[in-house]
Amino acid sequence: MDGSPNKATVLAYFEQFWNQGDHEAASEIFASDIAFHYPLGELAGVDAVKAYAAAVRTAFPDIHFTAADLVQEQDQVAARWFLQGTQSGAFRDKAPTNRQVSVSGITIFKLENNRIAEMWVAFDPARLTGD
């Protein structure tokens, strides 16, 4: 990493918020009015993002993200990422499958004052549930 504070925030999003499940770190990682756009819907605000992450971690308690590439242009950081996890809990009305999943995606983060203010996430949601 090149020492960019914005890239450090994005890495904290993957490592602290997702991999460690430290949702208390959200106030340091996200702007309070975060806008989260992803294939399964739209979320607004830190509490909504934390609730979504808690639901995902309940369904995939061993979820782990790996950030493969980070590219910064002004106040935006693009990240190519991979996740792995086992669906041992219900997810989006689908019963636990105990199946391990591997999903790749790309997220573009817009940062303000070194906090994530907006995110656009692209991945194939069917890969999470095997649909």
N, C-alpha and C. Protein backbone atom coordinates (compact mmCIF):
# COMPACT_ATOMS: atom_id res chain seq x y z
N MET A 1 0.85 -1.18 0.00
CA MET A 1 0.00 0.00 0.00
C MET A 1 0.89 1.24 0.00
N ASP A 2 0.39 2.31 -0.59
CA ASP A 2 1.19 3.51 -0.76
C ASP A 2 1.06 4.51 0.39
N GLY A 3 0.41 4.14 1.48
CA GLY A 3 0.26 5.04 2.61
C GLY A 3 -0.95 5.95 2.52
N SER A 4 -1.79 5.77 1.53
CA SER A 4 -2.98 6.59 1.37
C SER A 4 -3.96 6.34 2.52
N PRO A 5 -4.42 7.40 3.19
CA PRO A 5 -5.41 7.22 4.25
C PRO A 5 -6.72 6.61 3.73
N ASN A 6 -7.11 6.96 2.50
CA ASN A 6 -8.33 6.39 1.93
C ASN A 6 -8.20 4.90 1.70
N LYS A 7 -7.05 4.46 1.21
CA LYS A 7 -6.84 3.02 1.02
C LYS A 7 -6.81 2.31 2.36
N ALA A 8 -6.24 2.95 3.37
CA ALA A 8 -6.21 2.35 4.71
C ALA A 8 -7.63 2.17 5.24
N THR A 9 -8.51 3.12 4.98
CA THR A 9 -9.91 3.00 5.41
C THR A 9 -10.58 1.84 4.69
N VAL A 10 -10.33 1.70 3.40
CA VAL A 10 -10.93 0.59 2.64
C VAL A 10 -10.41 -0.75 3.17
N LEU A 11 -9.13 -0.83 3.45
CA LEU A 11 -8.59 -2.07 4.02
C LEU A 11 -9.20 -2.36 5.39
N ALA A 12 -9.44 -1.33 6.21
CA ALA A 12 -10.09 -1.51 7.50
C ALA A 12 -11.52 -2.02 7.31
N TYR A 13 -12.19 -1.55 6.26
CA TYR A 13 -13.54 -2.03 5.95
C TYR A 13 -13.51 -3.55 5.76
N PHE A 14 -12.58 -4.04 4.97
CA PHE A 14 -12.51 -5.48 4.74
C PHE A 14 -12.03 -6.24 5.98
N GLU A 15 -10.96 -5.77 6.59
CA GLU A 15 -10.33 -6.52 7.67
C GLU A 15 -11.08 -6.37 9.00
N GLN A 16 -11.29 -5.16 9.45
CA GLN A 16 -11.94 -4.96 10.75
C GLN A 16 -13.44 -5.23 10.69
N PHE A 17 -14.10 -4.56 9.75
CA PHE A 17 -15.56 -4.61 9.71
C PHE A 17 -16.07 -5.99 9.31
N TRP A 18 -15.50 -6.57 8.26
CA TRP A 18 -15.97 -7.88 7.79
C TRP A 18 -15.22 -9.04 8.44
N ASN A 19 -13.93 -9.11 8.26
CA ASN A 19 -13.19 -10.30 8.70
C ASN A 19 -13.19 -10.47 10.22
N GLN A 20 -13.05 -9.38 10.94
CA GLN A 20 -13.05 -9.47 12.41
C GLN A 20 -14.45 -9.30 12.99
N GLY A 21 -15.39 -8.85 12.17
CA GLY A 21 -16.75 -8.63 12.65
C GLY A 21 -16.85 -7.50 13.66
N ASP A 22 -15.94 -6.54 13.58
CA ASP A 22 -15.90 -5.42 14.51
C ASP A 22 -16.82 -4.31 14.01
N HIS A 23 -18.10 -4.43 14.29
CA HIS A 23 -19.05 -3.45 13.80
C HIS A 23 -19.00 -2.15 14.58
N GLU A 24 -18.33 -2.16 15.73
CA GLU A 24 -18.14 -0.91 16.48
C GLU A 24 -17.17 0.01 15.73
N ALA A 25 -16.34 -0.56 14.86
CA ALA A 25 -15.41 0.25 14.07
C ALA A 25 -16.13 1.04 12.97
N ALA A 26 -17.42 0.76 12.79
CA ALA A 26 -18.17 1.43 11.72
C ALA A 26 -18.11 2.94 11.82
N SER A 27 -18.12 3.48 13.03
CA SER A 27 -18.10 4.94 13.18
C SER A 27 -16.78 5.55 12.71
N GLU A 28 -15.72 4.75 12.68
CA GLU A 28 -14.43 5.22 12.18
C GLU A 28 -14.27 4.97 10.69
N ILE A 29 -15.03 4.02 10.15
CA ILE A 29 -14.88 3.61 8.76
C ILE A 29 -15.87 4.32 7.84
N PHE A 30 -17.11 4.49 8.31
CA PHE A 30 -18.18 5.03 7.46
C PHE A 30 -18.57 6.45 7.87
N ALA A 31 -18.97 7.23 6.87
CA ALA A 31 -19.67 8.49 7.15
C ALA A 31 -21.04 8.10 7.71
N SER A 32 -21.63 8.93 8.56
CA SER A 32 -22.90 8.58 9.20
C SER A 32 -24.02 8.38 8.19
N ASP A 33 -23.95 9.07 7.05
CA ASP A 33 -25.00 8.95 6.04
C ASP A 33 -24.55 8.10 4.84
N ILE A 34 -23.74 7.07 5.11
CA ILE A 34 -23.25 6.17 4.07
C ILE A 34 -24.40 5.71 3.15
N ALA A 35 -24.12 5.71 1.85
CA ALA A 35 -25.04 5.14 0.86
C ALA A 35 -24.37 3.89 0.30
N PHE A 36 -25.05 2.76 0.42
CA PHE A 36 -24.50 1.45 0.07
C PHE A 36 -25.37 0.87 -1.04
N HIS A 37 -24.82 0.79 -2.26
CA HIS A 37 -25.56 0.27 -3.42
C HIS A 37 -24.99 -1.10 -3.75
N TYR A 38 -25.84 -2.12 -3.80
CA TYR A 38 -25.35 -3.46 -4.10
C TYR A 38 -26.45 -4.23 -4.82
N PRO A 39 -26.12 -5.37 -5.43
CA PRO A 39 -27.10 -6.06 -6.27
C PRO A 39 -28.38 -6.49 -5.56
N LEU A 40 -28.37 -6.59 -4.25
CA LEU A 40 -29.55 -7.04 -3.51
C LEU A 40 -30.37 -5.88 -2.95
N GLY A 41 -29.96 -4.65 -3.21
CA GLY A 41 -30.72 -3.51 -2.72
C GLY A 41 -29.88 -2.29 -2.44
N GLU A 42 -30.47 -1.39 -1.69
CA GLU A 42 -29.82 -0.13 -1.31
C GLU A 42 -29.92 0.01 0.20
N LEU A 43 -28.85 0.48 0.80
CA LEU A 43 -28.85 0.75 2.23
C LEU A 43 -28.47 2.20 2.45
N ALA A 44 -29.04 2.81 3.49
CA ALA A 44 -28.72 4.20 3.81
C ALA A 44 -28.44 4.31 5.30
N GLY A 45 -27.27 4.81 5.63
CA GLY A 45 -26.90 5.03 7.03
C GLY A 45 -26.11 3.89 7.63
N VAL A 46 -25.33 4.25 8.63
CA VAL A 46 -24.44 3.28 9.29
C VAL A 46 -25.23 2.14 9.92
N ASP A 47 -26.34 2.44 10.56
CA ASP A 47 -27.10 1.38 11.23
C ASP A 47 -27.60 0.34 10.24
N ALA A 48 -28.03 0.77 9.07
CA ALA A 48 -28.51 -0.17 8.05
C ALA A 48 -27.36 -1.05 7.55
N VAL A 49 -26.19 -0.47 7.36
CA VAL A 49 -25.03 -1.25 6.91
C VAL A 49 -24.62 -2.24 8.00
N LYS A 50 -24.62 -1.82 9.24
CA LYS A 50 -24.27 -2.72 10.33
C LYS A 50 -25.28 -3.87 10.45
N ALA A 51 -26.56 -3.59 10.27
CA ALA A 51 -27.60 -4.63 10.35
C ALA A 51 -27.42 -5.63 9.20
N TYR A 52 -27.12 -5.13 8.02
CA TYR A 52 -26.88 -6.02 6.89
C TYR A 52 -25.67 -6.91 7.15
N ALA A 53 -24.59 -6.32 7.61
CA ALA A 53 -23.37 -7.10 7.89
C ALA A 53 -23.63 -8.15 8.97
N ALA A 54 -24.42 -7.80 9.98
CA ALA A 54 -24.75 -8.76 11.04
C ALA A 54 -25.54 -9.93 10.47
N ALA A 55 -26.48 -9.65 9.56
CA ALA A 55 -27.26 -10.73 8.94
C ALA A 55 -26.38 -11.63 8.09
N VAL A 56 -25.47 -11.03 7.35
CA VAL A 56 -24.56 -11.83 6.51
C VAL A 56 -23.66 -12.68 7.40
N ARG A 57 -23.13 -12.10 8.47
CA ARG A 57 -22.24 -12.87 9.37
C ARG A 57 -23.00 -13.97 10.10
N THR A 58 -24.29 -13.80 10.34
CA THR A 58 -25.09 -14.86 10.94
C THR A 58 -25.22 -16.03 9.96
N ALA A 59 -25.43 -15.72 8.69
CA ALA A 59 -25.55 -16.77 7.68
C ALA A 59 -24.21 -17.39 7.33
N PHE A 60 -23.16 -16.59 7.33
CA PHE A 60 -21.80 -17.02 6.95
C PHE A 60 -20.84 -16.63 8.08
N PRO A 61 -20.86 -17.31 9.21
CA PRO A 61 -20.06 -16.87 10.36
C PRO A 61 -18.55 -16.91 10.13
N ASP A 62 -18.10 -17.69 9.16
CA ASP A 62 -16.67 -17.76 8.86
C ASP A 62 -16.29 -16.91 7.65
N ILE A 63 -17.13 -15.96 7.28
CA ILE A 63 -16.87 -15.14 6.09
C ILE A 63 -15.50 -14.47 6.18
N HIS A 64 -14.82 -14.47 5.07
CA HIS A 64 -13.50 -13.83 5.02
C HIS A 64 -13.31 -13.17 3.66
N PHE A 65 -12.99 -11.88 3.70
CA PHE A 65 -12.72 -11.11 2.49
C PHE A 65 -11.21 -10.97 2.29
N THR A 66 -10.80 -11.03 1.04
CA THR A 66 -9.43 -10.72 0.66
C THR A 66 -9.49 -9.61 -0.39
N ALA A 67 -8.86 -8.48 -0.09
CA ALA A 67 -8.78 -7.38 -1.06
C ALA A 67 -7.56 -7.64 -1.93
N ALA A 68 -7.80 -7.83 -3.22
CA ALA A 68 -6.72 -8.19 -4.12
C ALA A 68 -6.03 -6.98 -4.74
N ASP A 69 -6.78 -6.00 -5.14
CA ASP A 69 -6.23 -4.81 -5.79
C ASP A 69 -6.96 -3.58 -5.27
N LEU A 70 -6.22 -2.53 -4.99
CA LEU A 70 -6.80 -1.25 -4.63
C LEU A 70 -6.23 -0.19 -5.57
N VAL A 71 -7.12 0.55 -6.21
CA VAL A 71 -6.70 1.59 -7.13
C VAL A 71 -7.41 2.87 -6.71
N GLN A 72 -6.63 3.95 -6.50
CA GLN A 72 -7.21 5.21 -6.05
C GLN A 72 -7.13 6.26 -7.13
N GLU A 73 -8.21 6.99 -7.26
CA GLU A 73 -8.27 8.16 -8.14
C GLU A 73 -8.99 9.25 -7.35
N GLN A 74 -8.28 10.26 -6.95
CA GLN A 74 -8.81 11.35 -6.12
C GLN A 74 -9.49 10.80 -4.88
N ASP A 75 -10.81 11.02 -4.73
CA ASP A 75 -11.50 10.61 -3.51
C ASP A 75 -12.18 9.25 -3.63
N GLN A 76 -11.84 8.51 -4.67
CA GLN A 76 -12.43 7.18 -4.86
C GLN A 76 -11.37 6.10 -4.87
N VAL A 77 -11.74 4.94 -4.31
CA VAL A 77 -10.87 3.76 -4.31
C VAL A 77 -11.68 2.61 -4.88
N ALA A 78 -11.11 1.92 -5.85
CA ALA A 78 -11.72 0.72 -6.40
C ALA A 78 -10.98 -0.48 -5.82
N ALA A 79 -11.75 -1.49 -5.43
CA ALA A 79 -11.16 -2.70 -4.86
C ALA A 79 -11.72 -3.92 -5.56
N ARG A 80 -10.84 -4.80 -5.99
CA ARG A 80 -11.24 -6.13 -6.46
C ARG A 80 -11.06 -7.03 -5.26
N TRP A 81 -12.07 -7.85 -4.97
CA TRP A 81 -12.04 -8.65 -3.75
C TRP A 81 -12.59 -10.06 -3.98
N PHE A 82 -12.28 -10.90 -3.02
CA PHE A 82 -12.77 -12.28 -3.00
C PHE A 82 -13.31 -12.54 -1.61
N LEU A 83 -14.38 -13.32 -1.53
CA LEU A 83 -14.85 -13.74 -0.21
C LEU A 83 -15.05 -15.24 -0.22
N GLN A 84 -14.87 -15.82 0.94
CA GLN A 84 -15.15 -17.23 1.15
C GLN A 84 -15.92 -17.35 2.44
N GLY A 85 -16.79 -18.32 2.51
CA GLY A 85 -17.53 -18.57 3.74
C GLY A 85 -18.42 -19.78 3.57
N THR A 86 -18.94 -20.25 4.68
CA THR A 86 -19.82 -21.40 4.69
C THR A 86 -21.20 -20.95 5.14
N GLN A 87 -22.22 -21.25 4.36
CA GLN A 87 -23.57 -20.83 4.71
C GLN A 87 -24.14 -21.79 5.75
N SER A 88 -23.90 -21.48 7.00
CA SER A 88 -24.40 -22.32 8.09
C SER A 88 -25.61 -21.70 8.79
N GLY A 89 -26.09 -20.59 8.26
CA GLY A 89 -27.30 -19.95 8.76
C GLY A 89 -28.19 -19.56 7.60
N ALA A 90 -29.43 -19.20 7.89
CA ALA A 90 -30.36 -18.79 6.84
C ALA A 90 -29.88 -17.49 6.20
N PHE A 91 -30.10 -17.37 4.89
CA PHE A 91 -29.72 -16.16 4.16
C PHE A 91 -30.75 -15.89 3.09
N ARG A 92 -31.40 -14.73 3.18
CA ARG A 92 -32.41 -14.31 2.21
C ARG A 92 -33.45 -15.40 1.98
N ASP A 93 -34.03 -15.88 3.05
CA ASP A 93 -35.08 -16.89 3.03
C ASP A 93 -34.62 -18.26 2.51
N LYS A 94 -33.33 -18.48 2.47
CA LYS A 94 -32.82 -19.79 2.06
C LYS A 94 -32.21 -20.47 3.29
N ALA A 95 -32.65 -21.68 3.53
CA ALA A 95 -32.17 -22.44 4.69
C ALA A 95 -30.66 -22.67 4.57
N PRO A 96 -30.02 -22.91 5.69
CA PRO A 96 -28.57 -23.19 5.66
C PRO A 96 -28.26 -24.38 4.74
N THR A 97 -27.20 -24.23 3.97
CA THR A 97 -26.79 -25.31 3.06
C THR A 97 -25.52 -26.01 3.56
N ASN A 98 -24.82 -25.37 4.50
CA ASN A 98 -23.51 -25.85 4.96
C ASN A 98 -22.53 -26.02 3.80
N ARG A 99 -22.77 -25.26 2.76
CA ARG A 99 -21.92 -25.28 1.58
C ARG A 99 -20.95 -24.10 1.63
N GLN A 100 -19.70 -24.38 1.27
CA GLN A 100 -18.72 -23.30 1.21
C GLN A 100 -18.89 -22.56 -0.12
N VAL A 101 -18.85 -21.24 -0.04
CA VAL A 101 -18.99 -20.42 -1.24
C VAL A 101 -17.73 -19.60 -1.45
N SER A 102 -17.49 -19.30 -2.70
CA SER A 102 -16.41 -18.39 -3.11
C SER A 102 -17.02 -17.40 -4.08
N VAL A 103 -16.86 -16.14 -3.78
CA VAL A 103 -17.46 -15.07 -4.59
C VAL A 103 -16.40 -14.02 -4.84
N SER A 104 -16.38 -13.48 -6.04
CA SER A 104 -15.49 -12.36 -6.33
C SER A 104 -16.34 -11.16 -6.72
N GLY A 105 -15.79 -9.98 -6.52
CA GLY A 105 -16.52 -8.77 -6.86
C GLY A 105 -15.62 -7.56 -6.92
N ILE A 106 -16.23 -6.46 -7.22
CA ILE A 106 -15.53 -5.18 -7.29
C ILE A 106 -16.39 -4.16 -6.56
N THR A 107 -15.76 -3.34 -5.76
CA THR A 107 -16.45 -2.25 -5.08
C THR A 107 -15.73 -0.95 -5.36
N ILE A 108 -16.51 0.06 -5.65
CA ILE A 108 -15.96 1.42 -5.77
C ILE A 108 -16.43 2.18 -4.54
N PHE A 109 -15.48 2.73 -3.83
CA PHE A 109 -15.73 3.47 -2.60
C PHE A 109 -15.51 4.96 -2.86
N LYS A 110 -16.43 5.79 -2.43
CA LYS A 110 -16.21 7.24 -2.43
C LYS A 110 -15.98 7.64 -0.98
N LEU A 111 -14.88 8.32 -0.73
CA LEU A 111 -14.53 8.69 0.64
C LEU A 111 -14.58 10.19 0.83
N GLU A 112 -14.99 10.58 2.04
CA GLU A 112 -14.98 11.97 2.47
C GLU A 112 -14.35 12.01 3.85
N ASN A 113 -13.33 12.82 4.02
CA ASN A 113 -12.63 12.91 5.32
C ASN A 113 -12.17 11.54 5.82
N ASN A 114 -11.65 10.73 4.91
CA ASN A 114 -11.13 9.38 5.21
C ASN A 114 -12.18 8.41 5.73
N ARG A 115 -13.45 8.69 5.43
CA ARG A 115 -14.54 7.78 5.78
C ARG A 115 -15.31 7.45 4.51
N ILE A 116 -15.81 6.21 4.46
CA ILE A 116 -16.56 5.78 3.29
C ILE A 116 -17.94 6.45 3.30
N ALA A 117 -18.21 7.23 2.26
CA ALA A 117 -19.46 7.97 2.16
C ALA A 117 -20.45 7.28 1.22
N GLU A 118 -19.92 6.56 0.23
CA GLU A 118 -20.78 5.87 -0.73
C GLU A 118 -20.03 4.69 -1.30
N MET A 119 -20.79 3.63 -1.60
CA MET A 119 -20.19 2.40 -2.13
C MET A 119 -21.07 1.85 -3.23
N TRP A 120 -20.43 1.35 -4.29
CA TRP A 120 -21.11 0.64 -5.36
C TRP A 120 -20.46 -0.73 -5.43
N VAL A 121 -21.23 -1.77 -5.12
CA VAL A 121 -20.72 -3.14 -5.03
C VAL A 121 -21.26 -3.94 -6.21
N ALA A 122 -20.36 -4.64 -6.91
CA ALA A 122 -20.76 -5.49 -8.04
C ALA A 122 -20.28 -6.92 -7.78
N PHE A 123 -21.23 -7.85 -7.73
CA PHE A 123 -20.93 -9.28 -7.61
C PHE A 123 -22.17 -10.04 -8.02
N ASP A 124 -22.04 -11.35 -8.20
CA ASP A 124 -23.16 -12.19 -8.57
C ASP A 124 -23.76 -12.79 -7.30
N PRO A 125 -24.93 -12.29 -6.84
CA PRO A 125 -25.50 -12.77 -5.59
C PRO A 125 -25.86 -14.26 -5.62
N ALA A 126 -26.11 -14.82 -6.79
CA ALA A 126 -26.44 -16.25 -6.87
C ALA A 126 -25.27 -17.11 -6.40
N ARG A 127 -24.07 -16.58 -6.47
CA ARG A 127 -22.91 -17.34 -6.00
C ARG A 127 -22.94 -17.54 -4.48
N LEU A 128 -23.65 -16.67 -3.76
CA LEU A 128 -23.74 -16.82 -2.30
C LEU A 128 -24.63 -17.99 -1.90
N THR A 129 -25.66 -18.25 -2.69
CA THR A 129 -26.64 -19.27 -2.29
C THR A 129 -26.68 -20.47 -3.22
N GLY A 130 -25.89 -20.44 -4.27
CA GLY A 130 -25.87 -21.57 -5.19
C GLY A 130 -27.06 -21.61 -6.14
N ASP A 131 -27.79 -20.50 -6.24
CA ASP A 131 -28.94 -20.45 -7.15
C ASP A 131 -28.50 -20.43 -8.59
